[in-house]
Amino acid sequence: MKEKPISSLSNQMNKERFQDLFDQVELFEKRIDDPLLKKVFHNAFFNTILTTVFFEDDGSAFVITGDIPAMWLRDSAAQVMQYLHFAKECPSVRELIKAVLKKQFSFVLLDPYANAFNRDANGMGHNTDIPQNSPWVWERKFELDSLTYPLWLLSKYVKATGDDSVMDKTFYDAFDKIIATFRTEQRHASFSPYYHERIDRGPECWCGKGAPVKENGLVWSGYRPSDDRCVYNYYIPGNMFICTALCALRPLFEKKGDLDRAKKCAALTEEIRIGIEQNATALTADGKKIYALETDGLGNVNVMDDANVPNLLAIPYFEYPFADKELYENTRAVMLSKNNPYYFEGSAISGIGSPHTPDGYVWPLSLIVQAMTSDDEEEIRRCVKMIASSTGGTYYIHEGVYKDDDTVFTRPWFAWANSFFADLVLRKADVLFK
């Protein structure tokens, strides 16, 4: 039986719960003169709290992705990022973020290899996979970002509010399990218990034990943030993202006198950094060096980008601390061109798509990242206008939009994209509303 979306009663309850946030956003929206942008921003900003959040009796919050009634660790973190802009002023936002983190870390302790979970132990989801999932697990695709996003969200919450009470026993236990899992997956072939097969799909859709890799300090991943199988199992943006989260957590541990965990952050970060520097680049046809999306450490690289974050385009967004500026600029130019097999140009929308969706579908997520990581004011405004104008008349952001017809799209209810767009508008407000 499928979970039901939040009822109108729950919707009203959440409106009342977040009245302080509604008041703050109303003040911000007075800066937006464009009625279309104001409408899309408003819908996008509140989509998560009004349609996807279930507060539980234990003080946690279960957050569905939208039209899929499961909680992805990645999506649920990204779905609340825009609220951090108001966390200091709004007690309701602090309550929400702490509740989401509590649920995320409890799920990590249930299974660090799973990417998506059920609200109850109801056995929903991909329950015919090999090995068989726990009834709590919707899907068990091991993706680096699933474990990294909650760590990043916690560090951003503490930075925004100064409240480190989220660093409780559940967090510490989950952190230790995450580090142990990353350490295991640095030597995947030798030590990992992870194997994943989907019996109703062909082998091109599941990773099994993965292709051969050379151990080099990088952390192995079965799947990308798109939930698609990796071609080569060292997913570079995911490894970069681990470094970002650990570098943000290290001073928090040091402040608490937890030098052991601080050292663990530093040691793993350094090993991954070296692995990236030695293995994560490729040469273009004209001899320019760029970052590769994936590698196996054996000389094979995958040169492309996928719209799902973390990706190569998003390196400045997720603040990889060791990024090479020239390498990134070279990579950006390639990925925003036809040299990226998943870059599409159309009369309705142009940008990066994904092998996760049909050919010719652009993901608004990619345009959001393009604007997030740009210093060009004209480019930022152009991307925002294209996103707001390609909702197919729904005034909500979708997963993928067909490049020549924005009324043809995937996933009418995809909260991550809505939250991400709202975050973009908030971040770039000074450019957009001069």
Protein backbone atom coordinates (compact mmCIF):
# COMPACT_ATOMS: atom_id res chain seq x y z
CA MET A 1 0.00 0.00 0.00
CA LYS A 2 1.38 3.42 -0.95
CA GLU A 3 1.92 6.17 1.58
CA LYS A 4 -0.61 8.95 1.18
CA PRO A 5 0.60 12.53 0.57
CA ILE A 6 0.18 14.97 3.40
CA SER A 7 -3.49 15.75 3.91
CA SER A 8 -4.94 19.24 3.78
CA LEU A 9 -5.16 19.06 7.58
CA SER A 10 -1.44 18.30 7.86
CA ASN A 11 -0.77 21.04 5.34
CA GLN A 12 -2.61 23.51 7.54
CA MET A 13 -0.82 22.22 10.64
CA ASN A 14 2.54 22.81 8.99
CA LYS A 15 1.48 26.30 7.93
CA GLU A 16 0.74 27.06 11.57
CA ARG A 17 3.97 25.41 12.74
CA PHE A 18 6.04 27.54 10.34
CA GLN A 19 4.22 30.86 10.73
CA ASP A 20 7.46 32.60 11.73
CA LEU A 21 9.04 31.40 8.48
CA PHE A 22 6.08 32.53 6.38
CA ASP A 23 6.41 35.98 7.93
CA GLN A 24 10.12 36.22 7.10
CA VAL A 25 9.67 35.01 3.53
CA GLU A 26 6.85 37.47 2.96
CA LEU A 27 9.31 40.26 3.69
CA PHE A 28 11.83 38.79 1.25
CA GLU A 29 9.23 38.37 -1.51
CA LYS A 30 8.55 42.10 -1.48
CA ARG A 31 11.88 42.43 -3.33
CA ILE A 32 10.61 40.35 -6.28
CA ASP A 33 8.88 42.50 -8.92
CA ASP A 34 8.48 39.83 -11.61
CA PRO A 35 5.10 38.14 -10.89
CA LEU A 36 6.11 34.87 -12.58
CA LEU A 37 9.34 34.58 -10.63
CA LYS A 38 7.56 35.50 -7.39
CA LYS A 39 4.95 32.78 -7.92
CA VAL A 40 7.48 30.08 -8.81
CA PHE A 41 9.77 31.07 -5.94
CA HIS A 42 6.90 31.00 -3.43
CA ASN A 43 5.70 27.58 -4.57
CA ALA A 44 9.23 26.22 -4.70
CA PHE A 45 10.29 27.54 -1.31
CA PHE A 46 7.38 26.09 0.63
CA ASN A 47 6.96 22.85 -1.34
CA THR A 48 8.97 20.76 1.10
CA ILE A 49 7.35 21.82 4.37
CA LEU A 50 3.82 21.88 2.94
CA THR A 51 3.86 18.57 1.07
CA THR A 52 6.69 16.28 2.15
CA VAL A 53 7.42 16.60 5.90
CA PHE A 54 5.99 14.23 8.51
CA PHE A 55 6.90 15.08 12.11
CA GLU A 56 7.16 11.99 14.32
CA ASP A 57 6.45 11.52 18.01
CA ASP A 58 10.14 10.96 18.77
CA GLY A 59 11.08 14.44 17.56
CA SER A 60 12.39 13.32 14.18
CA ALA A 61 10.97 14.19 10.77
CA PHE A 62 10.43 11.87 7.81
CA VAL A 63 10.73 13.67 4.46
CA ILE A 64 9.47 12.09 1.26
CA THR A 65 10.94 13.12 -2.09
CA GLY A 66 7.54 14.06 -3.53
CA ASP A 67 5.83 11.57 -5.81
CA ILE A 68 7.92 8.71 -4.39
CA PRO A 69 6.87 7.99 -0.78
CA ALA A 70 10.38 7.26 0.51
CA MET A 71 13.06 9.34 2.24
CA TRP A 72 16.34 9.62 0.38
CA LEU A 73 19.23 10.73 2.59
CA ARG A 74 20.49 12.98 -0.21
CA ASP A 75 17.17 14.51 -1.21
CA SER A 76 15.94 15.13 2.31
CA ALA A 77 19.07 17.14 3.12
CA ALA A 78 18.86 19.14 -0.11
CA GLN A 79 15.13 19.71 0.42
CA VAL A 80 15.71 21.78 3.56
CA MET A 81 18.85 23.73 2.58
CA GLN A 82 16.91 26.84 1.57
CA TYR A 83 15.44 27.11 5.06
CA LEU A 84 18.91 27.61 6.55
CA HIS A 85 18.75 31.22 5.29
CA PHE A 86 16.16 31.79 8.05
CA ALA A 87 17.38 29.37 10.72
CA LYS A 88 18.78 32.03 13.01
CA GLU A 89 15.53 34.02 13.12
CA CYS A 90 13.02 31.17 13.02
CA PRO A 91 12.70 28.58 15.81
CA SER A 92 10.50 26.47 13.51
CA VAL A 93 13.35 26.08 11.04
CA ARG A 94 15.78 25.03 13.74
CA GLU A 95 13.26 22.45 14.93
CA LEU A 96 12.84 21.14 11.39
CA ILE A 97 16.54 20.77 10.59
CA LYS A 98 17.26 19.06 13.90
CA ALA A 99 14.34 16.69 13.31
CA VAL A 100 15.53 15.81 9.80
CA LEU A 101 19.08 15.19 11.02
CA LYS A 102 17.81 12.94 13.79
CA LYS A 103 15.93 10.81 11.27
CA GLN A 104 18.83 10.72 8.81
CA PHE A 105 21.39 9.57 11.35
CA SER A 106 19.03 6.95 12.74
CA PHE A 107 18.66 5.58 9.20
CA VAL A 108 22.43 5.55 8.69
CA LEU A 109 22.70 3.39 11.80
CA LEU A 110 20.11 1.03 10.34
CA ASP A 111 22.03 0.52 7.09
CA PRO A 112 24.90 2.73 5.86
CA TYR A 113 24.70 1.20 2.39
CA ALA A 114 21.07 2.18 1.77
CA ASN A 115 20.15 5.39 -0.04
CA ALA A 116 16.39 5.50 0.64
CA PHE A 117 14.18 4.43 3.53
CA ASN A 118 10.55 3.78 4.43
CA ARG A 119 8.67 5.64 7.12
CA ASP A 120 7.90 2.35 8.84
CA ALA A 121 9.20 -1.20 8.53
CA ASN A 122 6.58 -1.81 5.85
CA GLY A 123 8.68 -3.58 3.19
CA MET A 124 7.84 -1.06 0.49
CA GLY A 125 10.19 -0.26 -2.37
CA HIS A 126 12.56 -2.56 -4.24
CA ASN A 127 11.90 -5.61 -2.13
CA THR A 128 13.06 -8.21 -4.67
CA ASP A 129 16.68 -7.03 -4.82
CA ILE A 130 19.64 -9.24 -4.02
CA PRO A 131 20.49 -9.28 -1.19
CA GLN A 132 17.01 -8.80 0.24
CA ASN A 133 16.42 -5.38 1.78
CA SER A 134 15.41 -4.73 5.35
CA PRO A 135 11.71 -3.80 5.55
CA TRP A 136 12.92 -0.31 6.54
CA VAL A 137 14.85 0.09 3.28
CA TRP A 138 13.21 1.35 0.10
CA GLU A 139 16.38 1.02 -1.95
CA ARG A 140 19.93 -0.14 -1.16
CA LYS A 141 22.11 1.61 -3.72
CA PHE A 142 25.43 2.63 -2.19
CA GLU A 143 26.13 6.25 -3.13
CA LEU A 144 28.76 8.43 -1.47
CA ASP A 145 26.51 11.47 -1.30
CA SER A 146 23.90 9.57 0.74
CA LEU A 147 26.26 9.48 3.70
CA THR A 148 27.83 12.87 3.02
CA TYR A 149 24.78 15.12 2.69
CA PRO A 150 23.64 14.68 6.32
CA LEU A 151 27.16 15.52 7.55
CA TRP A 152 27.21 18.62 5.35
CA LEU A 153 23.74 19.68 6.48
CA LEU A 154 24.77 19.36 10.12
CA SER A 155 27.87 21.50 9.60
CA LYS A 156 25.84 24.15 7.78
CA TYR A 157 23.20 24.16 10.49
CA VAL A 158 25.79 24.69 13.23
CA LYS A 159 27.44 27.46 11.21
CA ALA A 160 24.11 29.21 10.63
CA THR A 161 22.83 28.96 14.20
CA GLY A 162 25.75 28.31 16.54
CA ASP A 163 23.68 25.43 17.95
CA ASP A 164 25.86 22.32 18.22
CA SER A 165 23.30 20.32 20.23
CA VAL A 166 22.76 18.29 17.05
CA MET A 167 26.13 16.68 17.77
CA ASP A 168 24.54 14.12 20.07
CA LYS A 169 25.13 10.41 20.60
CA THR A 170 23.13 9.41 17.52
CA PHE A 171 25.26 11.72 15.40
CA TYR A 172 28.53 10.44 16.89
CA ASP A 173 27.50 6.82 16.37
CA ALA A 174 26.42 7.56 12.80
CA PHE A 175 29.61 9.50 12.09
CA ASP A 176 31.72 6.58 13.29
CA LYS A 177 29.74 4.20 11.09
CA ILE A 178 30.10 6.52 8.10
CA ILE A 179 33.87 6.77 8.53
CA ALA A 180 34.13 2.98 8.94
CA THR A 181 32.08 2.50 5.77
CA PHE A 182 34.22 4.91 3.76
CA ARG A 183 37.35 3.15 5.04
CA THR A 184 35.95 -0.22 4.00
CA GLU A 185 35.06 1.09 0.57
CA GLN A 186 38.57 2.43 0.02
CA ARG A 187 39.46 -1.26 -0.22
CA HIS A 188 36.22 -2.45 -1.72
CA ALA A 189 37.47 -5.60 -3.48
CA SER A 190 39.34 -6.79 -0.40
CA PHE A 191 36.95 -6.03 2.43
CA SER A 192 33.52 -4.82 1.35
CA PRO A 193 30.42 -6.93 1.98
CA TYR A 194 28.44 -4.78 -0.44
CA TYR A 195 26.80 -6.35 -3.46
CA HIS A 196 23.68 -5.16 -5.25
CA GLU A 197 21.60 -6.77 -7.97
CA ARG A 198 18.14 -5.92 -9.24
CA ILE A 199 16.53 -9.08 -10.53
CA ASP A 200 13.88 -7.34 -12.62
CA ARG A 201 16.50 -5.27 -14.49
CA GLY A 202 19.39 -6.16 -16.78
CA PRO A 203 22.99 -6.12 -15.49
CA GLU A 204 23.55 -2.75 -17.15
CA CYS A 205 21.29 -1.30 -14.42
CA TRP A 206 22.96 -2.71 -11.32
CA CYS A 207 26.51 -2.73 -10.03
CA GLY A 208 26.93 -6.19 -8.52
CA LYS A 209 30.40 -6.07 -6.95
CA GLY A 210 31.55 -3.45 -9.47
CA ALA A 211 34.22 -3.45 -12.15
CA PRO A 212 37.93 -3.87 -11.23
CA VAL A 213 39.54 -0.84 -9.57
CA LYS A 214 43.00 -0.01 -8.25
CA GLU A 215 43.13 0.94 -4.58
CA ASN A 216 44.43 4.51 -4.42
CA GLY A 217 42.80 6.30 -1.50
CA LEU A 218 39.54 7.05 -3.29
CA VAL A 219 36.26 5.70 -1.92
CA TRP A 220 34.35 3.21 -4.08
CA SER A 221 30.73 3.89 -5.04
CA GLY A 222 28.21 1.59 -6.69
CA TYR A 223 25.95 4.34 -7.95
CA ARG A 224 25.87 8.03 -8.83
CA PRO A 225 23.60 10.64 -7.19
CA SER A 226 21.17 9.93 -10.04
CA ASP A 227 20.83 6.38 -8.65
CA ASP A 228 22.35 5.13 -11.94
CA ARG A 229 25.14 2.55 -11.92
CA CYS A 230 28.69 3.93 -12.08
CA VAL A 231 30.66 2.92 -15.17
CA TYR A 232 33.92 3.26 -13.23
CA ASN A 233 33.44 3.00 -9.50
CA TYR A 234 35.43 5.94 -8.21
CA TYR A 235 32.87 8.73 -8.53
CA ILE A 236 35.00 11.88 -8.38
CA PRO A 237 32.46 14.55 -7.27
CA GLY A 238 31.32 12.19 -4.51
CA ASN A 239 34.88 11.85 -3.24
CA MET A 240 35.32 15.62 -3.39
CA PHE A 241 32.11 16.03 -1.42
CA ILE A 242 33.41 13.76 1.34
CA CYS A 243 36.40 16.09 1.69
CA THR A 244 34.07 19.09 1.92
CA ALA A 245 32.01 17.58 4.73
CA LEU A 246 34.99 16.33 6.72
CA CYS A 247 36.80 19.67 6.44
CA ALA A 248 33.68 21.39 7.79
CA LEU A 249 33.30 18.91 10.67
CA ARG A 250 36.93 18.88 11.76
CA PRO A 251 36.87 22.28 13.57
CA LEU A 252 33.58 21.35 15.24
CA PHE A 253 35.19 18.25 16.71
CA GLU A 254 38.27 20.23 17.73
CA LYS A 255 36.10 22.82 19.49
CA LYS A 256 34.56 20.01 21.53
CA GLY A 257 37.98 18.57 22.32
CA ASP A 258 37.28 15.46 20.26
CA LEU A 259 40.75 15.22 18.73
CA ASP A 260 40.34 11.58 17.73
CA ARG A 261 37.44 12.26 15.38
CA ALA A 262 39.13 15.46 14.16
CA LYS A 263 42.19 13.40 13.22
CA LYS A 264 39.98 10.87 11.43
CA CYS A 265 38.52 13.71 9.36
CA ALA A 266 41.97 15.02 8.48
CA ALA A 267 43.47 11.64 7.62
CA LEU A 268 40.67 10.48 5.33
CA THR A 269 40.49 13.89 3.65
CA GLU A 270 44.20 13.82 2.85
CA GLU A 271 44.06 10.33 1.36
CA ILE A 272 41.11 11.25 -0.86
CA ARG A 273 42.72 14.55 -1.90
CA ILE A 274 45.84 12.76 -3.07
CA GLY A 275 43.75 10.14 -4.84
CA ILE A 276 41.87 12.85 -6.72
CA GLU A 277 45.02 14.71 -7.71
CA GLN A 278 46.63 11.54 -9.03
CA ASN A 279 43.67 9.87 -10.73
CA ALA A 280 40.77 12.23 -11.45
CA THR A 281 41.77 14.11 -14.61
CA ALA A 282 41.48 13.63 -18.36
CA LEU A 283 42.66 15.46 -21.47
CA THR A 284 40.32 17.01 -24.02
CA ALA A 285 40.91 16.67 -27.77
CA ASP A 286 42.69 20.05 -27.76
CA GLY A 287 44.96 19.03 -24.90
CA LYS A 288 43.27 20.80 -21.98
CA LYS A 289 43.18 19.03 -18.63
CA ILE A 290 39.75 18.58 -17.01
CA TYR A 291 38.21 16.67 -14.14
CA ALA A 292 36.66 13.31 -15.05
CA LEU A 293 33.33 12.19 -13.63
CA GLU A 294 34.53 8.68 -12.83
CA THR A 295 37.72 6.63 -12.90
CA ASP A 296 38.88 3.16 -11.92
CA GLY A 297 42.47 4.08 -11.10
CA LEU A 298 43.57 1.78 -13.90
CA GLY A 299 43.71 4.47 -16.58
CA ASN A 300 40.03 4.50 -17.57
CA VAL A 301 37.97 7.68 -17.15
CA ASN A 302 34.40 8.69 -17.90
CA VAL A 303 34.23 12.19 -19.42
CA MET A 304 30.68 13.52 -19.00
CA ASP A 305 28.54 15.23 -16.42
CA ASP A 306 25.17 14.35 -14.95
CA ALA A 307 22.74 16.93 -13.60
CA ASN A 308 22.45 15.34 -10.16
CA VAL A 309 24.44 16.99 -7.38
CA PRO A 310 27.25 16.45 -6.45
CA ASN A 311 28.50 16.60 -10.01
CA LEU A 312 31.43 18.26 -11.74
CA LEU A 313 29.60 21.49 -12.52
CA ALA A 314 28.71 21.86 -8.85
CA ILE A 315 32.27 21.73 -7.45
CA PRO A 316 32.18 25.39 -6.27
CA TYR A 317 28.63 24.94 -4.94
CA PHE A 318 29.56 22.09 -2.62
CA GLU A 319 32.79 23.91 -1.81
CA TYR A 320 35.44 21.28 -2.53
CA PRO A 321 38.33 22.85 -0.61
CA PHE A 322 41.14 21.66 -2.92
CA ALA A 323 39.61 22.50 -6.30
CA ASP A 324 42.02 23.67 -9.00
CA LYS A 325 40.46 26.81 -10.50
CA GLU A 326 41.88 26.29 -14.00
CA LEU A 327 40.86 22.63 -14.02
CA TYR A 328 37.35 23.57 -12.94
CA GLU A 329 36.97 26.30 -15.56
CA ASN A 330 38.16 23.91 -18.27
CA THR A 331 35.74 21.27 -17.00
CA ARG A 332 32.85 23.72 -16.83
CA ALA A 333 33.38 24.78 -20.45
CA VAL A 334 33.34 21.16 -21.64
CA MET A 335 30.31 20.09 -19.59
CA LEU A 336 28.24 23.08 -20.75
CA SER A 337 28.82 22.15 -24.39
CA LYS A 338 28.05 19.40 -26.88
CA ASN A 339 31.29 17.73 -25.77
CA ASN A 340 29.25 16.51 -22.81
CA PRO A 341 26.96 13.78 -24.23
CA TYR A 342 24.24 14.84 -21.79
CA TYR A 343 24.17 18.52 -22.68
CA PHE A 344 21.05 19.42 -24.68
CA GLU A 345 19.97 22.65 -26.38
CA GLY A 346 16.35 23.34 -27.26
CA SER A 347 13.78 26.03 -27.90
CA ALA A 348 12.31 25.70 -24.38
CA ILE A 349 15.35 24.95 -22.22
CA SER A 350 19.07 24.21 -22.58
CA GLY A 351 21.36 22.54 -20.07
CA ILE A 352 22.65 19.27 -18.72
CA GLY A 353 20.41 16.24 -18.48
CA SER A 354 21.06 12.72 -17.27
CA PRO A 355 21.14 9.14 -18.53
CA HIS A 356 18.53 8.64 -15.81
CA THR A 357 15.92 10.32 -18.05
CA PRO A 358 15.24 10.11 -21.81
CA ASP A 359 17.45 11.72 -24.44
CA GLY A 360 16.80 15.44 -24.88
CA TYR A 361 15.51 16.08 -21.37
CA VAL A 362 17.24 18.94 -19.51
CA TRP A 363 17.26 18.92 -15.72
CA PRO A 364 16.48 22.32 -14.15
CA LEU A 365 18.87 21.22 -11.39
CA SER A 366 21.71 21.73 -13.86
CA LEU A 367 20.63 25.28 -14.67
CA ILE A 368 20.35 26.01 -10.97
CA VAL A 369 23.91 24.77 -10.46
CA GLN A 370 25.08 26.74 -13.50
CA ALA A 371 23.70 29.92 -11.95
CA MET A 372 24.87 29.03 -8.43
CA THR A 373 28.46 28.64 -9.65
CA SER A 374 28.56 31.66 -11.96
CA ASP A 375 29.95 35.15 -11.35
CA ASP A 376 28.45 36.40 -14.62
CA GLU A 377 25.32 38.40 -13.72
CA GLU A 378 23.83 38.05 -17.20
CA GLU A 379 24.30 34.25 -17.09
CA ILE A 380 22.69 34.06 -13.66
CA ARG A 381 19.63 36.06 -14.74
CA ARG A 382 19.35 34.08 -17.99
CA CYS A 383 19.36 30.75 -16.13
CA VAL A 384 16.78 31.90 -13.57
CA LYS A 385 14.49 33.19 -16.32
CA MET A 386 14.79 29.94 -18.27
CA ILE A 387 13.94 27.85 -15.21
CA ALA A 388 10.94 29.97 -14.18
CA SER A 389 9.65 29.99 -17.77
CA SER A 390 9.84 26.23 -18.30
CA THR A 391 7.51 24.76 -15.68
CA GLY A 392 4.87 23.71 -18.20
CA GLY A 393 2.33 26.04 -16.62
CA THR A 394 2.53 24.29 -13.23
CA TYR A 395 4.72 26.94 -11.51
CA TYR A 396 6.75 24.13 -9.93
CA ILE A 397 10.21 22.81 -10.87
CA HIS A 398 10.45 19.35 -12.41
CA GLU A 399 13.06 16.63 -12.65
CA GLY A 400 13.60 16.63 -16.42
CA VAL A 401 12.04 18.92 -19.05
CA TYR A 402 12.00 18.13 -22.76
CA LYS A 403 14.24 20.66 -24.45
CA ASP A 404 11.68 21.81 -27.05
CA ASP A 405 8.45 21.59 -25.04
CA ASP A 406 8.28 22.41 -21.34
CA THR A 407 4.83 20.82 -21.01
CA VAL A 408 6.59 17.47 -21.43
CA PHE A 409 8.41 16.68 -18.20
CA THR A 410 9.22 13.98 -15.66
CA ARG A 411 8.10 13.95 -12.03
CA PRO A 412 5.44 16.60 -11.40
CA TRP A 413 6.24 16.50 -7.67
CA PHE A 414 10.01 16.62 -7.09
CA ALA A 415 10.75 18.60 -3.95
CA TRP A 416 14.55 18.67 -4.27
CA ALA A 417 14.39 20.74 -7.47
CA ASN A 418 11.93 23.16 -5.89
CA SER A 419 14.06 23.67 -2.80
CA PHE A 420 17.20 24.10 -4.87
CA PHE A 421 15.60 26.78 -7.02
CA ALA A 422 14.43 28.68 -3.95
CA ASP A 423 17.95 28.47 -2.52
CA LEU A 424 19.33 29.89 -5.78
CA VAL A 425 17.00 32.90 -5.68
CA LEU A 426 17.93 33.59 -2.07
CA ARG A 427 21.66 33.30 -2.76
CA LYS A 428 21.61 35.46 -5.87
CA ALA A 429 19.03 38.00 -4.70
CA ASP A 430 21.43 40.93 -4.97
CA VAL A 431 22.04 40.09 -8.64
CA LEU A 432 18.42 39.31 -9.48
CA PHE A 433 16.79 42.27 -7.73
CA LYS A 434 19.08 45.22 -8.44
